[in-house]
N, C-alpha and C. Protein backbone atom coordinates (compact mmCIF):
# COMPACT_ATOMS: atom_id res chain seq x y z
N MET A 1 9.15 123.16 4.85
CA MET A 1 9.03 124.47 4.25
C MET A 1 10.38 125.14 4.26
N THR A 2 10.55 125.90 3.23
CA THR A 2 11.81 126.62 3.14
C THR A 2 11.64 127.98 3.80
N LYS A 3 12.77 128.62 4.02
CA LYS A 3 12.73 129.95 4.62
C LYS A 3 11.97 130.93 3.74
N LYS A 4 12.13 130.77 2.42
CA LYS A 4 11.47 131.68 1.49
C LYS A 4 9.95 131.52 1.59
N THR A 5 9.48 130.30 1.69
CA THR A 5 8.05 130.04 1.79
C THR A 5 7.50 130.58 3.10
N VAL A 6 8.22 130.35 4.18
CA VAL A 6 7.80 130.85 5.49
C VAL A 6 7.77 132.37 5.48
N LEU A 7 8.78 132.98 4.90
CA LEU A 7 8.84 134.44 4.82
C LEU A 7 7.69 134.98 3.98
N THR A 8 7.42 134.34 2.85
CA THR A 8 6.32 134.77 1.98
C THR A 8 4.98 134.65 2.70
N LEU A 9 4.76 133.54 3.37
CA LEU A 9 3.52 133.35 4.12
C LEU A 9 3.39 134.35 5.27
N SER A 10 4.51 134.65 5.90
CA SER A 10 4.50 135.63 6.99
C SER A 10 4.13 137.02 6.48
N VAL A 11 4.72 137.39 5.34
CA VAL A 11 4.42 138.70 4.75
C VAL A 11 2.95 138.75 4.34
N LEU A 12 2.45 137.68 3.72
CA LEU A 12 1.04 137.65 3.32
C LEU A 12 0.12 137.74 4.55
N ALA A 13 0.48 137.04 5.60
CA ALA A 13 -0.32 137.09 6.83
C ALA A 13 -0.30 138.49 7.42
N LEU A 14 0.85 139.14 7.40
CA LEU A 14 0.99 140.50 7.93
C LEU A 14 0.15 141.48 7.11
N VAL A 15 0.25 141.38 5.79
CA VAL A 15 -0.52 142.28 4.91
C VAL A 15 -2.02 142.05 5.11
N THR A 16 -2.42 140.80 5.19
CA THR A 16 -3.83 140.48 5.40
C THR A 16 -4.31 141.02 6.75
N GLY A 17 -3.49 140.85 7.76
CA GLY A 17 -3.84 141.36 9.09
C GLY A 17 -3.96 142.87 9.11
N LEU A 18 -3.02 143.54 8.47
CA LEU A 18 -3.08 145.00 8.41
C LEU A 18 -4.29 145.48 7.62
N ALA A 19 -4.56 144.82 6.51
CA ALA A 19 -5.70 145.22 5.68
C ALA A 19 -7.01 145.01 6.43
N SER A 20 -7.12 143.89 7.11
CA SER A 20 -8.36 143.65 7.85
C SER A 20 -8.44 144.57 9.06
N GLY A 21 -7.31 144.94 9.62
CA GLY A 21 -7.29 145.88 10.74
C GLY A 21 -7.79 147.24 10.31
N CYS A 22 -7.42 147.70 9.14
CA CYS A 22 -7.89 148.99 8.63
C CYS A 22 -9.38 148.93 8.36
N ALA A 23 -9.82 147.85 7.77
CA ALA A 23 -11.25 147.71 7.49
C ALA A 23 -12.03 147.67 8.79
N THR A 24 -11.49 147.01 9.78
CA THR A 24 -12.16 146.93 11.06
C THR A 24 -12.23 148.29 11.72
N THR A 25 -11.16 149.07 11.59
CA THR A 25 -11.17 150.43 12.14
C THR A 25 -12.24 151.27 11.47
N ASP A 26 -12.35 151.16 10.15
CA ASP A 26 -13.39 151.90 9.44
C ASP A 26 -14.78 151.44 9.88
N GLU A 27 -14.91 150.14 10.04
CA GLU A 27 -16.20 149.61 10.48
C GLU A 27 -16.53 150.09 11.89
N ILE A 28 -15.52 150.12 12.75
CA ILE A 28 -15.73 150.59 14.12
C ILE A 28 -16.13 152.06 14.11
N ASN A 29 -15.47 152.86 13.29
CA ASN A 29 -15.83 154.28 13.20
C ASN A 29 -17.25 154.45 12.68
N ALA A 30 -17.62 153.65 11.69
CA ALA A 30 -18.99 153.71 11.17
C ALA A 30 -19.99 153.29 12.25
N LEU A 31 -19.63 152.27 13.00
CA LEU A 31 -20.50 151.80 14.08
C LEU A 31 -20.63 152.87 15.17
N LYS A 32 -19.52 153.53 15.49
CA LYS A 32 -19.57 154.61 16.49
C LYS A 32 -20.51 155.71 16.02
N ALA A 33 -20.45 156.05 14.75
CA ALA A 33 -21.33 157.09 14.20
C ALA A 33 -22.79 156.66 14.31
N GLN A 34 -23.04 155.38 14.05
CA GLN A 34 -24.41 154.88 14.17
C GLN A 34 -24.89 154.91 15.62
N VAL A 35 -23.99 154.59 16.54
CA VAL A 35 -24.35 154.61 17.96
C VAL A 35 -24.66 156.03 18.40
N VAL A 36 -23.84 156.99 17.96
CA VAL A 36 -24.08 158.39 18.31
C VAL A 36 -25.44 158.84 17.77
N LYS A 37 -25.72 158.48 16.52
CA LYS A 37 -27.00 158.86 15.91
C LYS A 37 -28.16 158.20 16.65
N ALA A 38 -27.99 156.94 17.01
CA ALA A 38 -29.04 156.24 17.75
C ALA A 38 -29.27 156.89 19.11
N GLN A 39 -28.20 157.31 19.77
CA GLN A 39 -28.34 157.98 21.07
C GLN A 39 -29.06 159.31 20.91
N GLN A 40 -28.73 160.05 19.85
CA GLN A 40 -29.42 161.32 19.60
C GLN A 40 -30.90 161.08 19.36
N THR A 41 -31.21 160.06 18.58
CA THR A 41 -32.61 159.74 18.31
C THR A 41 -33.33 159.34 19.60
N ALA A 42 -32.66 158.57 20.43
CA ALA A 42 -33.25 158.16 21.71
C ALA A 42 -33.47 159.37 22.61
N ASP A 43 -32.51 160.29 22.63
CA ASP A 43 -32.66 161.50 23.44
C ASP A 43 -33.84 162.34 22.95
N GLU A 44 -33.98 162.47 21.63
CA GLU A 44 -35.10 163.22 21.06
C GLU A 44 -36.42 162.54 21.42
N ALA A 45 -36.44 161.22 21.33
CA ALA A 45 -37.66 160.48 21.66
C ALA A 45 -38.02 160.66 23.13
N MET A 46 -37.02 160.65 24.00
CA MET A 46 -37.26 160.84 25.43
C MET A 46 -37.81 162.24 25.69
N SER A 47 -37.24 163.22 25.02
CA SER A 47 -37.72 164.60 25.17
C SER A 47 -39.17 164.72 24.71
N MET A 48 -39.47 164.11 23.57
CA MET A 48 -40.84 164.15 23.05
C MET A 48 -41.80 163.42 24.00
N ALA A 49 -41.36 162.32 24.57
CA ALA A 49 -42.20 161.58 25.51
C ALA A 49 -42.46 162.39 26.77
N GLU A 50 -41.45 163.09 27.26
CA GLU A 50 -41.63 163.93 28.44
C GLU A 50 -42.61 165.06 28.15
N THR A 51 -42.49 165.66 26.96
CA THR A 51 -43.41 166.72 26.56
C THR A 51 -44.83 166.18 26.46
N ALA A 52 -44.97 165.01 25.84
CA ALA A 52 -46.29 164.39 25.72
C ALA A 52 -46.88 164.08 27.09
N ASN A 53 -46.05 163.63 28.00
CA ASN A 53 -46.51 163.31 29.35
C ASN A 53 -46.99 164.58 30.06
N THR A 54 -46.25 165.66 29.90
CA THR A 54 -46.64 166.94 30.50
C THR A 54 -47.96 167.42 29.90
N ASN A 55 -48.07 167.31 28.58
CA ASN A 55 -49.31 167.73 27.92
C ASN A 55 -50.49 166.87 28.36
N ALA A 56 -50.26 165.58 28.53
CA ALA A 56 -51.33 164.68 28.97
C ALA A 56 -51.78 165.03 30.39
N ALA A 57 -50.83 165.35 31.25
CA ALA A 57 -51.18 165.72 32.62
C ALA A 57 -52.00 167.01 32.63
N SER A 58 -51.61 167.96 31.80
CA SER A 58 -52.35 169.21 31.69
C SER A 58 -53.75 168.96 31.16
N ALA A 59 -53.87 168.12 30.15
CA ALA A 59 -55.18 167.80 29.59
C ALA A 59 -56.05 167.10 30.63
N SER A 60 -55.46 166.25 31.43
CA SER A 60 -56.20 165.55 32.47
C SER A 60 -56.74 166.54 33.50
N GLU A 61 -55.91 167.51 33.88
CA GLU A 61 -56.35 168.54 34.82
C GLU A 61 -57.49 169.36 34.23
N GLN A 62 -57.37 169.71 32.96
CA GLN A 62 -58.43 170.49 32.30
C GLN A 62 -59.71 169.67 32.20
N ALA A 63 -59.59 168.40 31.93
CA ALA A 63 -60.77 167.53 31.85
C ALA A 63 -61.45 167.43 33.22
N ALA A 64 -60.66 167.33 34.28
CA ALA A 64 -61.23 167.27 35.62
C ALA A 64 -61.96 168.57 35.96
N ALA A 65 -61.37 169.69 35.57
CA ALA A 65 -62.02 170.99 35.80
C ALA A 65 -63.32 171.09 35.00
N ALA A 66 -63.30 170.62 33.77
CA ALA A 66 -64.50 170.65 32.93
C ALA A 66 -65.58 169.74 33.52
N MET A 67 -65.20 168.60 34.02
CA MET A 67 -66.16 167.68 34.63
C MET A 67 -66.77 168.31 35.88
N SER A 68 -65.95 168.97 36.66
CA SER A 68 -66.45 169.65 37.86
C SER A 68 -67.45 170.75 37.48
N ALA A 69 -67.13 171.52 36.45
CA ALA A 69 -68.04 172.57 35.98
C ALA A 69 -69.33 171.96 35.44
N ALA A 70 -69.23 170.86 34.73
CA ALA A 70 -70.43 170.19 34.20
C ALA A 70 -71.29 169.65 35.33
N ASP A 71 -70.67 169.10 36.36
CA ASP A 71 -71.43 168.61 37.52
C ASP A 71 -72.16 169.76 38.22
N ALA A 72 -71.46 170.88 38.38
CA ALA A 72 -72.08 172.05 39.00
C ALA A 72 -73.25 172.55 38.16
N ALA A 73 -73.09 172.57 36.85
CA ALA A 73 -74.17 173.00 35.97
C ALA A 73 -75.35 172.04 36.04
N GLN A 74 -75.08 170.76 36.11
CA GLN A 74 -76.16 169.77 36.23
C GLN A 74 -76.91 169.95 37.54
N ASN A 75 -76.17 170.18 38.62
CA ASN A 75 -76.82 170.40 39.92
C ASN A 75 -77.70 171.65 39.88
N ALA A 76 -77.19 172.71 39.27
CA ALA A 76 -77.98 173.94 39.16
C ALA A 76 -79.23 173.70 38.32
N ALA A 77 -79.10 172.95 37.23
CA ALA A 77 -80.26 172.65 36.39
C ALA A 77 -81.27 171.79 37.14
N ASP A 78 -80.79 170.83 37.90
CA ASP A 78 -81.69 169.98 38.70
C ASP A 78 -82.44 170.82 39.73
N ASN A 79 -81.72 171.71 40.41
CA ASN A 79 -82.36 172.58 41.41
C ASN A 79 -83.41 173.48 40.75
N CYS A 80 -83.06 174.02 39.61
CA CYS A 80 -84.00 174.88 38.88
C CYS A 80 -85.24 174.08 38.46
N SER A 81 -85.04 172.88 38.01
CA SER A 81 -86.16 172.04 37.60
C SER A 81 -87.08 171.74 38.78
N GLU A 82 -86.48 171.45 39.92
CA GLU A 82 -87.28 171.19 41.12
C GLU A 82 -88.10 172.41 41.52
N ARG A 83 -87.48 173.59 41.47
CA ARG A 83 -88.20 174.82 41.80
C ARG A 83 -89.35 175.06 40.83
N CYS A 84 -89.07 174.83 39.54
CA CYS A 84 -90.12 175.02 38.54
C CYS A 84 -91.28 174.06 38.79
N ASP A 85 -90.95 172.82 39.14
CA ASP A 85 -91.99 171.84 39.44
C ASP A 85 -92.83 172.28 40.63
N ARG A 86 -92.17 172.78 41.69
CA ARG A 86 -92.90 173.26 42.88
C ARG A 86 -93.78 174.46 42.53
N MET A 87 -93.23 175.36 41.70
CA MET A 87 -94.01 176.53 41.29
C MET A 87 -95.24 176.09 40.49
N MET A 88 -95.07 175.13 39.62
CA MET A 88 -96.17 174.62 38.80
C MET A 88 -97.23 173.97 39.68
N GLU A 89 -96.78 173.19 40.69
CA GLU A 89 -97.72 172.55 41.60
C GLU A 89 -98.52 173.59 42.38
N LYS A 90 -97.84 174.66 42.84
CA LYS A 90 -98.53 175.72 43.58
C LYS A 90 -99.54 176.42 42.68
N ALA A 91 -99.13 176.67 41.43
CA ALA A 91 -100.04 177.35 40.50
C ALA A 91 -101.25 176.48 40.19
N MET A 92 -101.07 175.19 40.08
CA MET A 92 -102.17 174.27 39.78
C MET A 92 -103.09 174.10 40.99
N ALA A 93 -102.49 174.21 42.18
CA ALA A 93 -103.28 174.03 43.40
C ALA A 93 -104.23 175.21 43.60
N LYS A 94 -103.95 176.36 43.07
CA LYS A 94 -104.79 177.54 43.26
C LYS A 94 -106.02 177.50 42.46
């Protein structure tokens, strides 16, 4: 190879390297933007999940309270039914 050929190939390699370096920088910047957006989306999802978890815990507490009230109402109804049955038996016995 002659000096001219080596010089030409060197210049071409340098230009190609610089051009690909710029494209890579742009790609890296685009990738960084995507990563930032993905992190924001993940943060929003985490916040929504925490809110949903809090709401679910509250709903569970309310359901437990409702079940307790329903059990108390059932017990009261059972007691009332038993009293009515006893009253009916006394009335029939007379």
